[in-house]
N, C-alpha and C. Protein backbone atom coordinates (compact mmCIF):
# COMPACT_ATOMS: atom_id res chain seq x y z
N UNK A 1 108.77 97.22 43.86
CA UNK A 1 107.37 97.49 44.51
C UNK A 1 107.20 97.25 45.93
N UNK A 2 108.02 95.74 46.29
CA UNK A 2 107.50 95.62 47.96
C UNK A 2 108.47 96.83 48.60
N UNK A 3 109.33 97.44 48.17
CA UNK A 3 110.11 98.66 48.93
C UNK A 3 108.86 99.98 49.24
N UNK A 4 108.03 100.06 48.15
CA UNK A 4 107.14 100.97 48.15
C UNK A 4 106.19 100.75 48.82
N UNK A 5 105.64 99.48 48.99
CA UNK A 5 104.59 98.99 50.08
C UNK A 5 105.11 99.31 51.55
N UNK A 6 106.28 98.75 51.48
CA UNK A 6 106.87 98.81 53.03
C UNK A 6 106.97 100.50 53.51
N UNK A 7 107.51 101.40 52.48
CA UNK A 7 107.49 102.71 52.65
C UNK A 7 106.03 103.20 53.01
N UNK A 8 105.17 103.08 52.28
CA UNK A 8 103.64 103.30 52.67
C UNK A 8 103.22 102.73 53.58
N UNK A 9 103.54 101.56 54.12
CA UNK A 9 102.87 101.04 55.43
C UNK A 9 103.60 101.74 56.53
N UNK A 10 104.82 101.95 56.66
CA UNK A 10 105.74 102.84 57.60
C UNK A 10 105.00 104.15 57.50
N UNK A 11 104.60 104.91 56.59
CA UNK A 11 104.15 106.22 56.41
C UNK A 11 102.68 106.43 57.05
N UNK A 12 102.31 105.08 56.84
CA UNK A 12 100.81 105.50 57.33
C UNK A 12 100.50 105.25 58.98
N UNK A 13 101.40 104.16 59.36
CA UNK A 13 101.72 103.97 60.78
C UNK A 13 102.21 105.37 61.27
N UNK A 14 103.20 105.97 60.62
CA UNK A 14 103.73 107.27 61.29
C UNK A 14 102.63 108.32 61.29
N UNK A 15 101.54 108.37 60.32
CA UNK A 15 100.80 109.63 60.42
C UNK A 15 99.64 108.99 61.48
N UNK A 16 99.33 107.77 61.46
CA UNK A 16 98.14 107.49 62.40
C UNK A 16 98.70 107.57 64.00
N UNK A 17 99.90 107.24 64.22
CA UNK A 17 100.35 107.56 65.33
C UNK A 17 100.66 109.06 65.87
N UNK A 18 100.87 109.79 64.93
CA UNK A 18 101.14 111.59 65.25
C UNK A 18 99.70 112.01 65.20
N UNK A 19 98.82 111.29 64.53
CA UNK A 19 97.26 112.27 64.52
C UNK A 19 96.47 111.46 65.67
N UNK A 20 97.24 110.74 66.55
CA UNK A 20 96.30 110.02 67.49
C UNK A 20 96.00 111.42 68.98
N UNK A 21 94.83 111.47 69.32
CA UNK A 21 94.87 112.66 70.40
C UNK A 21 94.92 112.20 72.09
N UNK A 22 95.75 110.88 72.18
CA UNK A 22 95.85 110.55 73.18
C UNK A 22 94.67 110.50 74.17
N UNK A 23 93.35 110.15 73.83
CA UNK A 23 92.25 110.33 74.78
C UNK A 23 92.15 109.53 75.79
N UNK A 24 92.90 108.41 75.94
CA UNK A 24 93.01 107.84 77.14
C UNK A 24 93.78 107.79 78.18
N UNK A 25 94.91 108.60 77.76
CA UNK A 25 95.94 108.84 78.57
C UNK A 25 95.54 109.87 79.60
N UNK A 26 96.14 109.87 81.02
CA UNK A 26 95.64 110.77 82.01
C UNK A 26 95.88 111.99 81.93
N UNK A 27 95.40 112.73 82.76
CA UNK A 27 95.64 114.38 81.60
C UNK A 27 97.13 114.94 82.59
N UNK A 28 97.54 115.75 82.08
CA UNK A 28 99.08 116.14 82.24
C UNK A 28 98.92 116.92 83.62
N UNK A 29 99.60 116.43 84.55
CA UNK A 29 99.44 117.29 86.11
C UNK A 29 101.07 117.72 86.38
N UNK A 30 101.65 117.84 85.60
CA UNK A 30 102.82 118.27 85.87
C UNK A 30 103.13 120.08 86.21
N UNK A 31 104.31 120.27 86.90
CA UNK A 31 103.89 121.79 87.07
C UNK A 31 103.29 122.20 88.39
N UNK A 32 102.76 123.30 88.61
CA UNK A 32 102.46 123.87 90.00
C UNK A 32 101.00 124.40 89.82
N UNK A 33 100.52 124.45 90.57
CA UNK A 33 99.29 125.29 90.95
C UNK A 33 99.39 125.94 92.39
N UNK A 34 98.13 126.57 92.48
CA UNK A 34 97.46 127.41 94.11
C UNK A 34 96.44 126.82 94.42
N UNK A 35 96.56 126.74 95.94
CA UNK A 35 95.07 126.37 96.64
C UNK A 35 94.81 127.35 97.57
N UNK A 36 93.63 128.16 97.24
CA UNK A 36 93.24 129.20 98.13
C UNK A 36 91.79 128.78 98.83
N UNK A 37 91.69 129.27 100.04
CA UNK A 37 90.92 128.48 100.85
C UNK A 37 90.00 129.53 102.10
N UNK A 38 88.83 129.50 102.17
CA UNK A 38 88.32 130.18 103.31
C UNK A 38 88.16 129.21 104.22
N UNK A 39 88.08 129.61 105.44
CA UNK A 39 87.81 128.93 106.75
C UNK A 39 86.68 129.42 107.85
N UNK A 40 85.80 128.72 108.09
CA UNK A 40 84.79 129.37 109.07
C UNK A 40 84.78 128.67 110.25
N UNK A 41 85.01 129.34 111.48
CA UNK A 41 85.42 128.64 112.66
C UNK A 41 84.00 128.59 113.41
N UNK A 42 83.65 127.50 114.06
CA UNK A 42 82.57 127.44 115.27
C UNK A 42 82.87 126.84 116.37
N UNK A 43 82.23 127.03 117.41
CA UNK A 43 82.44 126.00 118.66
C UNK A 43 83.63 127.18 119.64
N UNK A 44 83.84 126.50 120.65
CA UNK A 44 84.65 126.77 121.83
C UNK A 44 86.17 126.85 121.19
N UNK A 45 87.12 127.53 121.02
CA UNK A 45 88.38 127.66 120.56
C UNK A 45 89.28 126.93 121.90
N UNK A 46 90.31 125.96 121.82
CA UNK A 46 90.92 125.31 122.73
C UNK A 46 91.65 126.66 123.50
N UNK A 47 92.18 125.97 124.29
CA UNK A 47 93.24 126.98 125.32
C UNK A 47 94.52 127.21 124.45
N UNK A 48 95.15 128.41 124.98
CA UNK A 48 96.60 128.83 124.22
C UNK A 48 97.32 127.50 124.47
N UNK A 49 97.64 126.80 125.74
CA UNK A 49 98.58 125.83 125.86
C UNK A 49 98.20 124.43 124.92
N UNK A 50 96.69 124.83 124.32
CA UNK A 50 96.61 123.47 123.68
C UNK A 50 96.57 123.95 122.39
N UNK A 51 96.88 124.76 121.67
CA UNK A 51 96.92 125.49 120.44
C UNK A 51 98.13 125.99 120.11
N UNK A 52 98.90 125.11 119.96
CA UNK A 52 100.34 125.98 119.54
C UNK A 52 100.56 126.22 118.01
N UNK A 53 99.64 125.91 117.13
CA UNK A 53 100.36 126.17 115.82
C UNK A 53 98.70 125.85 115.38
N UNK A 54 98.46 126.40 114.09
CA UNK A 54 97.18 126.21 113.38
C UNK A 54 97.55 126.35 111.82
N UNK A 55 97.38 125.02 111.05
CA UNK A 55 97.52 125.20 109.46
C UNK A 55 96.62 124.36 108.63
N UNK A 56 96.75 125.19 107.25
CA UNK A 56 96.02 124.25 106.32
C UNK A 56 96.90 123.05 105.82
N UNK A 57 96.61 121.85 105.88
CA UNK A 57 97.31 120.71 105.23
C UNK A 57 96.73 120.10 104.51
N UNK A 58 97.04 120.31 103.08
CA UNK A 58 96.26 119.40 101.89
C UNK A 58 97.46 117.99 101.59
N UNK A 59 96.88 116.68 101.86
CA UNK A 59 97.57 115.81 101.27
C UNK A 59 97.22 115.01 100.29
N UNK A 60 98.10 114.25 99.64
CA UNK A 60 97.87 113.50 98.48
C UNK A 60 97.64 112.23 98.65
N UNK A 61 97.20 112.08 100.01
CA UNK A 61 97.24 110.54 100.48
C UNK A 61 96.43 110.63 101.76
N UNK A 62 95.73 109.61 101.74
CA UNK A 62 94.72 109.31 103.33
C UNK A 62 95.88 108.75 104.16
N UNK A 63 95.99 109.66 105.43
CA UNK A 63 96.86 109.10 106.63
C UNK A 63 96.14 107.74 107.30
N UNK A 64 97.11 107.14 107.80
CA UNK A 64 96.38 105.94 108.75
C UNK A 64 97.10 106.43 109.86
N UNK A 65 97.87 107.02 110.37
CA UNK A 65 98.08 107.56 111.75
C UNK A 65 99.22 108.95 111.55
N UNK A 66 99.45 109.38 112.48
CA UNK A 66 100.38 110.35 112.57
C UNK A 66 101.39 110.40 112.17
N UNK A 67 102.16 109.09 111.84
CA UNK A 67 103.63 108.99 111.56
C UNK A 67 103.62 109.33 109.85
N UNK A 68 102.24 109.16 109.29
CA UNK A 68 101.97 109.77 108.07
C UNK A 68 102.37 111.00 107.70
N UNK A 69 102.30 111.94 108.80
CA UNK A 69 102.50 113.20 108.43
C UNK A 69 103.70 113.56 108.19
N UNK A 70 104.91 112.57 108.24
CA UNK A 70 106.41 112.80 108.07
C UNK A 70 106.66 112.82 106.39
N UNK A 71 105.32 112.49 105.53
CA UNK A 71 105.32 112.51 104.04
C UNK A 71 105.29 113.86 103.70
N UNK A 72 106.29 114.85 104.20
CA UNK A 72 106.16 116.21 103.46
C UNK A 72 105.99 116.41 101.98
N UNK A 73 106.79 115.62 101.50
CA UNK A 73 106.78 115.60 99.66
C UNK A 73 105.37 115.53 99.24
N UNK A 74 104.41 114.94 100.07
CA UNK A 74 103.22 114.67 99.45
C UNK A 74 101.89 115.45 100.17
N UNK A 75 102.52 116.82 100.37
CA UNK A 75 101.49 117.65 101.31
C UNK A 75 101.88 118.80 101.16
N UNK A 76 101.00 119.66 100.74
CA UNK A 76 100.89 121.35 100.85
C UNK A 76 100.17 121.61 102.02
N UNK A 77 101.08 122.69 102.82
CA UNK A 77 101.28 123.11 103.89
C UNK A 77 101.09 124.52 104.02
N UNK A 78 100.03 125.34 104.47
CA UNK A 78 100.00 126.82 104.86
C UNK A 78 100.98 127.25 105.64
N UNK A 79 101.25 128.69 105.65
CA UNK A 79 102.07 129.29 106.86
C UNK A 79 100.88 129.59 107.93
N UNK A 80 101.07 129.45 109.27
CA UNK A 80 100.43 129.73 110.44
C UNK A 80 98.85 130.29 110.14
N UNK A 81 97.71 129.92 110.81
CA UNK A 81 96.82 130.75 110.29
C UNK A 81 96.55 131.44 111.76
N UNK A 82 95.30 132.43 111.64
CA UNK A 82 95.05 133.24 112.64
C UNK A 82 94.46 132.29 113.80
N UNK A 83 94.29 132.69 114.85
CA UNK A 83 93.72 131.85 116.18
C UNK A 83 92.40 133.08 116.74
N UNK A 84 91.61 132.28 117.23
CA UNK A 84 90.36 132.88 118.07
C UNK A 84 89.97 133.91 117.02
N UNK A 85 89.49 133.62 115.94
CA UNK A 85 88.64 134.16 114.91
C UNK A 85 87.48 133.49 114.34
N UNK A 86 86.60 134.03 113.80
CA UNK A 86 85.51 133.15 113.32
C UNK A 86 85.79 132.98 111.55
N UNK A 87 86.61 133.72 111.28
CA UNK A 87 86.61 133.43 109.60
C UNK A 87 88.14 133.58 109.17
N UNK A 88 88.87 133.09 108.42
CA UNK A 88 90.21 133.13 108.01
C UNK A 88 90.17 132.53 106.50
N UNK A 89 91.51 133.22 105.95
CA UNK A 89 91.87 132.62 104.47
C UNK A 89 93.21 132.09 104.47
N UNK A 90 93.49 131.35 103.49
CA UNK A 90 94.73 131.09 103.37
C UNK A 90 94.97 130.71 101.78
N UNK A 91 96.44 131.07 101.78
CA UNK A 91 96.89 130.73 100.05
C UNK A 91 97.97 129.80 100.04
N UNK A 92 98.06 128.65 99.33
CA UNK A 92 99.21 128.01 99.32
C UNK A 92 99.82 128.06 97.64
N UNK A 93 100.59 128.47 97.15
CA UNK A 93 101.44 128.62 95.92
C UNK A 93 102.24 127.75 95.79
N UNK A 94 102.68 127.37 94.53
CA UNK A 94 103.53 126.33 94.17
C UNK A 94 103.09 124.84 94.50
N UNK A 95 101.84 124.30 94.69
CA UNK A 95 101.81 122.93 95.08
C UNK A 95 101.87 122.23 93.94
N UNK A 96 102.22 121.02 94.50
CA UNK A 96 102.16 119.86 93.33
C UNK A 96 100.91 119.84 93.14
N UNK A 97 100.93 119.48 91.48
CA UNK A 97 99.47 119.25 91.02
C UNK A 97 98.93 117.74 90.99
N UNK A 98 97.63 117.58 91.19
CA UNK A 98 97.32 116.30 91.21
C UNK A 98 96.10 116.31 92.30
N UNK A 99 95.67 114.93 92.26
CA UNK A 99 94.40 114.80 93.44
C UNK A 99 95.15 115.31 94.93
N UNK A 100 93.91 115.73 95.77
CA UNK A 100 94.41 115.85 97.15
C UNK A 100 93.10 115.20 97.73
N UNK A 101 93.33 113.89 98.70
CA UNK A 101 92.80 113.03 99.29
C UNK A 101 92.22 113.36 100.54
N UNK A 102 93.07 113.87 101.47
CA UNK A 102 92.60 114.22 102.74
C UNK A 102 92.96 115.60 103.03
N UNK A 103 92.37 116.40 103.38
CA UNK A 103 92.95 117.89 103.44
C UNK A 103 91.78 118.62 104.70
N UNK A 104 92.44 119.40 105.47
CA UNK A 104 91.90 120.14 106.15
C UNK A 104 92.71 121.19 107.25
N UNK A 105 92.19 121.75 108.31
CA UNK A 105 92.95 122.61 109.25
C UNK A 105 93.65 121.49 110.34
N UNK A 106 94.68 121.68 110.72
CA UNK A 106 95.34 120.90 111.42
C UNK A 106 95.78 121.87 112.39
N UNK A 107 95.68 121.15 113.73
CA UNK A 107 96.34 121.91 115.42
C UNK A 107 97.14 121.27 115.70
N UNK A 108 98.25 121.90 116.21
CA UNK A 108 99.28 121.20 117.14
C UNK A 108 98.76 121.91 118.34
N UNK A 109 98.74 120.48 119.02
CA UNK A 109 98.26 120.84 120.39
C UNK A 109 99.39 120.43 121.62
N UNK A 110 100.70 120.17 121.37
CA UNK A 110 101.76 119.92 122.21
C UNK A 110 103.01 120.03 121.56
N UNK A 111 104.12 120.24 122.34
CA UNK A 111 105.21 120.21 121.67
C UNK A 111 105.91 119.00 121.15
N UNK A 112 105.23 118.03 121.10
CA UNK A 112 105.72 116.89 120.30
C UNK A 112 105.71 117.09 118.89
N UNK A 113 106.67 116.87 118.20
CA UNK A 113 106.76 116.99 116.77
C UNK A 113 105.34 116.51 116.06
N UNK A 114 104.66 115.22 116.48
CA UNK A 114 103.91 114.60 115.48
C UNK A 114 102.44 114.78 116.62
N UNK A 115 102.38 115.89 117.18
CA UNK A 115 101.24 116.18 117.93
C UNK A 115 100.62 117.26 117.17
N UNK A 116 99.84 116.39 116.03
CA UNK A 116 98.94 117.28 115.26
C UNK A 116 97.35 116.29 115.14
N UNK A 117 96.59 117.24 114.63
CA UNK A 117 95.30 116.31 114.80
C UNK A 117 94.40 117.45 113.72
N UNK A 118 93.44 116.72 113.06
CA UNK A 118 92.60 117.60 112.16
C UNK A 118 91.81 118.12 112.99
N UNK A 119 91.34 119.09 113.01
CA UNK A 119 90.17 120.04 113.43
C UNK A 119 88.92 120.26 112.47
N UNK A 120 89.17 120.34 111.35
CA UNK A 120 88.24 120.47 110.54
C UNK A 120 88.56 119.77 108.86
N UNK A 121 87.83 119.51 108.23
CA UNK A 121 88.20 118.52 106.90
C UNK A 121 87.29 119.16 105.66
N UNK A 122 88.21 119.44 104.50
CA UNK A 122 87.47 119.55 103.34
C UNK A 122 86.56 118.41 103.33
N UNK A 123 85.03 118.78 102.85
CA UNK A 123 84.02 117.67 102.97
C UNK A 123 83.64 117.67 101.50
N UNK A 124 83.54 118.65 100.50
CA UNK A 124 83.04 118.52 99.41
C UNK A 124 83.43 117.69 98.66
N UNK A 125 82.56 117.14 97.41
CA UNK A 125 82.97 116.07 96.79
C UNK A 125 84.08 115.06 97.12
N UNK A 126 83.32 114.24 98.08
CA UNK A 126 83.88 113.28 99.01
C UNK A 126 85.17 113.56 99.64
N UNK A 127 85.57 114.88 99.73
CA UNK A 127 86.72 115.46 100.33
C UNK A 127 87.99 115.13 99.74
N UNK A 128 87.91 115.14 98.22
CA UNK A 128 88.57 115.06 97.11
C UNK A 128 88.56 116.26 96.29
N UNK A 129 89.89 116.92 95.88
CA UNK A 129 89.93 118.00 94.43
C UNK A 129 91.15 117.82 94.37
N UNK A 130 91.33 118.37 93.07
CA UNK A 130 92.49 118.65 92.11
C UNK A 130 93.11 119.97 92.03
N UNK A 131 94.40 120.11 91.89
CA UNK A 131 95.08 121.12 91.68
C UNK A 131 95.69 121.03 90.24
N UNK A 132 95.33 121.76 89.25
CA UNK A 132 95.75 121.75 87.95
C UNK A 132 96.83 122.81 87.67
N UNK A 133 97.70 122.45 86.55
CA UNK A 133 98.77 123.23 86.28
C UNK A 133 98.58 124.86 86.04
N UNK A 134 98.98 125.54 86.77
CA UNK A 134 98.89 127.34 86.45
C UNK A 134 97.29 127.35 86.74
N UNK A 135 96.80 126.76 87.66
CA UNK A 135 95.45 126.93 87.97
C UNK A 135 95.39 127.34 89.50
N UNK A 136 94.09 127.95 89.65
CA UNK A 136 94.16 128.39 91.58
C UNK A 136 92.87 127.46 91.63
N UNK A 137 92.77 126.45 92.70
CA UNK A 137 91.42 125.59 93.14
C UNK A 137 91.22 126.62 94.56
N UNK A 138 89.83 126.68 94.43
CA UNK A 138 89.09 127.13 95.61
C UNK A 138 88.31 126.34 96.58
N UNK A 139 88.52 126.07 97.59
CA UNK A 139 88.15 125.43 98.79
C UNK A 139 87.45 126.22 100.17
N UNK A 140 86.76 125.51 100.63
CA UNK A 140 86.15 126.08 101.91
C UNK A 140 86.21 124.92 102.90
N UNK A 141 86.56 125.18 104.24
CA UNK A 141 86.74 124.38 105.39
C UNK A 141 85.61 124.74 106.52
N UNK A 142 85.04 123.91 107.10
CA UNK A 142 84.39 124.37 108.37
C UNK A 142 85.13 123.80 109.57
N UNK A 143 85.56 124.56 110.42
CA UNK A 143 86.07 123.87 111.53
C UNK A 143 85.21 123.63 112.74
N UNK A 144 84.77 122.91 113.74
CA UNK A 144 83.94 122.97 114.53
C UNK A 144 84.57 122.27 116.03
N UNK A 145 85.23 123.03 116.62
CA UNK A 145 85.83 122.83 117.82
C UNK A 145 85.28 121.93 118.79
N UNK A 146 83.95 121.73 118.80
CA UNK A 146 82.97 120.64 119.64
C UNK A 146 82.78 119.75 119.10
N UNK A 147 83.04 119.65 117.92
CA UNK A 147 82.75 118.06 117.09
C UNK A 147 83.90 117.95 115.92
N UNK A 148 84.99 117.13 116.64
CA UNK A 148 86.48 117.42 115.73
C UNK A 148 86.01 115.91 115.11
N UNK A 149 86.89 116.02 114.10
CA UNK A 149 86.93 114.87 112.89
C UNK A 149 87.71 113.43 113.78
N UNK A 150 87.27 112.31 113.50
CA UNK A 150 87.71 111.27 113.92
C UNK A 150 89.19 111.11 113.01
N UNK A 151 89.87 110.60 113.65
CA UNK A 151 91.69 110.36 113.33
C UNK A 151 92.07 109.23 114.11
N UNK A 152 92.63 108.50 113.35
CA UNK A 152 92.74 108.46 111.93
C UNK A 152 91.21 108.16 111.11
N UNK A 153 91.03 108.31 109.93
CA UNK A 153 90.03 108.42 109.47
C UNK A 153 89.56 106.78 109.08
N UNK A 154 88.23 106.78 109.16
CA UNK A 154 87.87 105.09 108.82
C UNK A 154 87.72 105.05 107.43
N UNK A 155 88.42 104.16 107.02
CA UNK A 155 88.42 103.42 105.69
C UNK A 155 87.35 103.10 105.01
């Protein structure tokens, strides 16, 4: 009889564990997604010698200084963007899913590898967005060349 009670207890435990919906577990962010963005440019564009490259950069961290830009595995980076336009679009496929905490348009202003600065940031929802597996996240960024964001960001 004791063996029967033990078997029933183990069966009940098994059934309760297998029936759990894991409601308190964090969502599954494995896989990749897509970031699709639009950019609006205002203000006076930098001179060509001060505008060597322009890209969307999505970071899964908040940078403290330009040396943090070396954490490429924690960033989604677009191909080069158009220059001297009022509107542009970008698409970055197969980005790591999860939260992006600091994202925007970055300008390379010198030949030095770390000569990048933000010229416009994603500001909706406190600047944070998420990318889910097999989903497309759409964002909009406004770049005002006459009022650049403070860098490094204030914490």
